[in-house]
Protein backbone atom coordinates (compact mmCIF):
# COMPACT_ATOMS: atom_id res chain seq x y z
CA PRO A 1 123.86 139.05 55.45
CA ALA A 2 120.41 137.90 56.47
CA SER A 3 120.00 136.63 59.98
CA HIS A 4 117.32 134.29 61.29
CA THR A 5 116.57 133.19 64.83
CA TRP A 6 115.01 129.82 65.38
CA THR A 7 113.43 128.51 68.53
CA VAL A 8 112.96 124.80 68.77
CA SER A 9 110.42 123.65 71.33
CA VAL A 10 110.54 120.09 72.49
CA PRO A 11 107.27 119.03 74.06
CA GLN A 12 107.79 117.89 77.62
CA GLU A 13 106.84 114.35 78.39
CA PRO A 14 103.93 114.35 80.83
CA THR A 15 105.01 113.15 84.24
CA CYS A 16 103.40 110.91 86.79
CA ALA A 17 100.76 112.46 88.99
CA PRO A 18 101.69 110.98 92.40
CA ALA A 19 98.79 109.32 94.17
CA THR A 20 98.06 107.18 97.21
CA VAL A 21 95.30 104.59 96.97
CA THR A 22 93.85 102.58 99.87
CA ALA A 23 92.45 99.22 98.77
CA GLY A 24 90.15 97.10 100.89
CA ALA A 25 90.41 93.32 100.99
CA ASP A 26 88.34 91.47 98.41
CA ALA A 27 88.94 88.10 100.14
CA ASP A 28 90.20 86.95 103.54
CA SER A 29 90.13 83.79 105.60
CA TRP A 30 92.14 81.87 108.15
CA VAL A 31 93.19 78.24 108.38
CA THR A 32 94.25 76.06 111.27
CA GLN A 33 96.53 73.05 111.32
CA GLY A 34 94.81 69.73 111.88
CA SER A 35 91.43 70.98 110.68
CA SER A 36 89.69 70.72 107.32
CA SER A 37 87.37 73.60 108.25
CA ASN A 38 87.14 76.88 106.39
CA TYR A 39 86.81 80.19 108.24
CA GLY A 40 86.20 82.58 105.33
CA SER A 41 83.07 84.09 106.87
CA ASP A 42 84.61 84.83 110.31
CA SER A 43 84.90 88.44 111.44
CA ILE A 44 88.27 87.71 113.10
CA LEU A 45 91.33 86.33 111.30
CA LYS A 46 93.41 84.21 113.66
CA VAL A 47 97.19 83.77 113.66
CA ASP A 48 98.51 81.31 116.24
CA SER A 49 101.78 79.63 117.13
CA LYS A 50 100.64 76.44 118.79
CA SER A 51 102.13 72.97 118.52
CA GLY A 52 99.79 70.97 116.28
CA GLY A 53 97.39 73.92 116.02
CA ASN A 54 99.15 76.71 114.13
CA ALA A 55 96.79 79.20 112.50
CA ARG A 56 97.46 81.47 109.54
CA ALA A 57 95.50 84.28 107.91
CA LEU A 58 95.15 84.85 104.18
CA VAL A 59 94.15 88.19 102.68
CA ARG A 60 93.91 89.43 99.08
CA PHE A 61 93.29 92.87 97.60
CA ALA A 62 92.22 93.91 94.11
CA LEU A 63 95.19 95.95 92.93
CA PRO A 64 94.35 99.30 91.34
CA ALA A 65 95.75 100.15 87.91
CA ILE A 66 99.13 101.88 88.02
CA PRO A 67 98.61 105.49 86.87
CA ALA A 68 100.20 106.44 83.55
CA ARG A 69 103.96 107.04 83.75
CA CYS A 70 104.00 106.05 87.44
CA GLN A 71 105.43 103.17 89.38
CA VAL A 72 104.78 101.63 92.78
CA VAL A 73 106.83 103.65 95.29
CA SER A 74 105.72 102.17 98.62
CA VAL A 75 103.07 99.82 99.97
CA LEU A 76 101.84 99.18 103.51
CA LEU A 77 99.69 96.23 104.52
CA ARG A 78 97.62 97.23 107.57
CA MET A 79 95.61 94.88 109.74
CA HIS A 80 93.85 95.83 112.95
CA ALA A 81 94.69 93.60 115.91
CA SER A 82 91.73 92.87 118.16
CA SER A 83 93.69 90.50 120.43
CA VAL A 84 97.42 90.55 120.97
CA LYS A 85 100.29 88.51 122.36
CA ASP A 86 103.13 90.96 122.92
CA GLY A 87 106.66 90.12 121.89
CA ARG A 88 105.75 88.17 118.73
CA THR A 89 107.11 88.78 115.24
CA LEU A 90 104.48 88.44 112.53
CA GLN A 91 105.30 87.71 108.90
CA ALA A 92 103.51 88.75 105.71
CA LEU A 93 104.45 86.60 102.72
CA ARG A 94 103.27 86.76 99.11
CA LEU A 95 101.13 83.79 98.10
CA GLY A 96 102.09 81.92 94.94
CA ALA A 97 98.76 80.45 93.80
CA ALA A 98 95.02 81.06 93.77
CA TRP A 99 92.70 80.35 96.70
CA THR A 100 89.07 81.12 97.54
CA GLU A 101 87.73 82.77 100.65
CA ASN A 102 85.20 80.02 101.36
CA GLY A 103 87.29 77.10 100.09
CA VAL A 104 90.77 77.47 101.56
CA THR A 105 91.80 75.06 104.34
CA TRP A 106 95.09 74.15 105.99
CA ASN A 107 95.59 71.25 103.57
CA ASN A 108 94.95 73.22 100.36
CA GLN A 109 96.42 76.61 101.28
CA PRO A 110 98.78 77.90 98.58
CA ALA A 111 102.51 78.04 99.21
CA ALA A 112 104.13 81.34 100.08
CA THR A 113 106.89 82.73 97.89
CA GLY A 114 109.70 85.24 98.36
CA ALA A 115 110.98 87.02 101.43
CA ALA A 116 108.76 87.82 104.40
CA ALA A 117 107.95 91.32 105.57
CA THR A 118 107.92 91.42 109.37
CA ALA A 119 106.15 93.48 112.01
CA ALA A 120 106.01 93.33 115.78
CA SER A 121 102.75 92.27 117.38
CA GLY A 122 100.80 95.04 119.02
CA SER A 123 97.33 96.46 119.55
CA GLY A 124 95.63 98.60 116.94
CA TYR A 125 96.97 98.56 113.41
CA VAL A 126 99.94 96.31 112.65
CA GLU A 127 101.78 97.45 109.51
CA TRP A 128 104.06 95.55 107.16
CA SER A 129 106.11 97.23 104.41
CA VAL A 130 105.25 95.03 101.41
CA THR A 131 106.51 97.15 98.50
CA GLY A 132 108.58 94.39 96.90
CA GLN A 133 105.81 91.82 97.26
CA VAL A 134 103.24 94.09 95.60
CA GLN A 135 105.62 95.02 92.77
CA SER A 136 105.93 91.27 92.13
CA MET A 137 102.14 90.89 92.26
CA TYR A 138 101.77 93.44 89.46
CA SER A 139 104.23 91.56 87.27
CA SER A 140 103.62 87.89 88.12
CA GLY A 141 100.19 87.37 89.67
CA ASN A 142 98.21 88.72 92.59
CA TYR A 143 97.25 85.95 95.01
CA GLY A 144 97.46 88.01 98.20
CA PHE A 145 99.32 87.52 101.47
CA LEU A 146 99.81 84.85 104.11
CA ILE A 147 100.13 86.19 107.66
CA ARG A 148 101.79 83.89 110.21
CA ASP A 149 103.81 83.93 113.40
CA SER A 150 107.52 83.87 112.56
CA VAL A 151 108.02 80.96 115.00
CA GLU A 152 105.25 78.41 114.63
CA SER A 153 104.51 75.43 116.91
CA GLY A 154 104.85 77.47 120.10
CA LEU A 155 102.80 77.48 123.28
CA GLY A 156 99.64 79.12 121.94
CA PHE A 157 100.38 82.73 121.02
CA GLU A 158 97.10 83.67 119.32
CA GLN A 159 96.61 87.00 117.57
CA GLY A 160 93.26 88.15 116.19
CA PHE A 161 92.81 90.61 113.30
CA HIS A 162 89.64 92.23 111.98
CA SER A 163 88.50 90.67 108.72
CA ARG A 164 86.60 92.36 105.90
CA GLU A 165 83.43 90.91 107.42
CA LYS A 166 83.77 93.59 110.12
CA GLY A 167 82.55 96.09 107.50
CA THR A 168 83.75 99.60 108.35
CA ASP A 169 85.26 98.49 111.69
CA SER A 170 88.97 98.58 110.74
CA PRO A 171 89.10 95.95 107.96
CA PRO A 172 92.43 95.02 106.27
CA GLN A 173 93.94 97.75 104.10
CA LEU A 174 96.60 97.94 101.42
CA ILE A 175 97.96 101.49 101.08
CA ILE A 176 99.77 101.94 97.76
CA THR A 177 101.74 105.08 96.88
CA PHE A 178 102.46 105.71 93.20
CA GLY A 179 105.09 108.17 92.02
């Protein structure tokens, strides 16, 4: 009898080429309770827990395209602290609506949505793990982050972070790892 050997080759699906991308802020500002002023051009973003004078920072990044066949694996939000109050817990929350760098004030700041990522105050870079928030931004709108003290209306616990106006001097960063 005749015999034949067949080899069937199934092309392998290309896989994700893992990558890490560092995005710089495309907008940042800070707002303070009891003031209608805008601070979008300041070189320092203030976060303060002060009765009647709380301050919050807002920061947004242009999200890079997700590489083919990849997904968001991890994301770190990094902001460089120029002034510090030790022992504070700082929150990073996803914003739920649009805002502008030179138009946002305390009274028109967008509401935050979802769970907060937390980090301890400290000098140098403060880092928040914001993987879940950024995954949500890719699927339901990228409006950036709100940074605030976890306990507002305190005794004046002001933190200062470098803004994008500092240029190359440690501006806010979003470090996204795809895999």
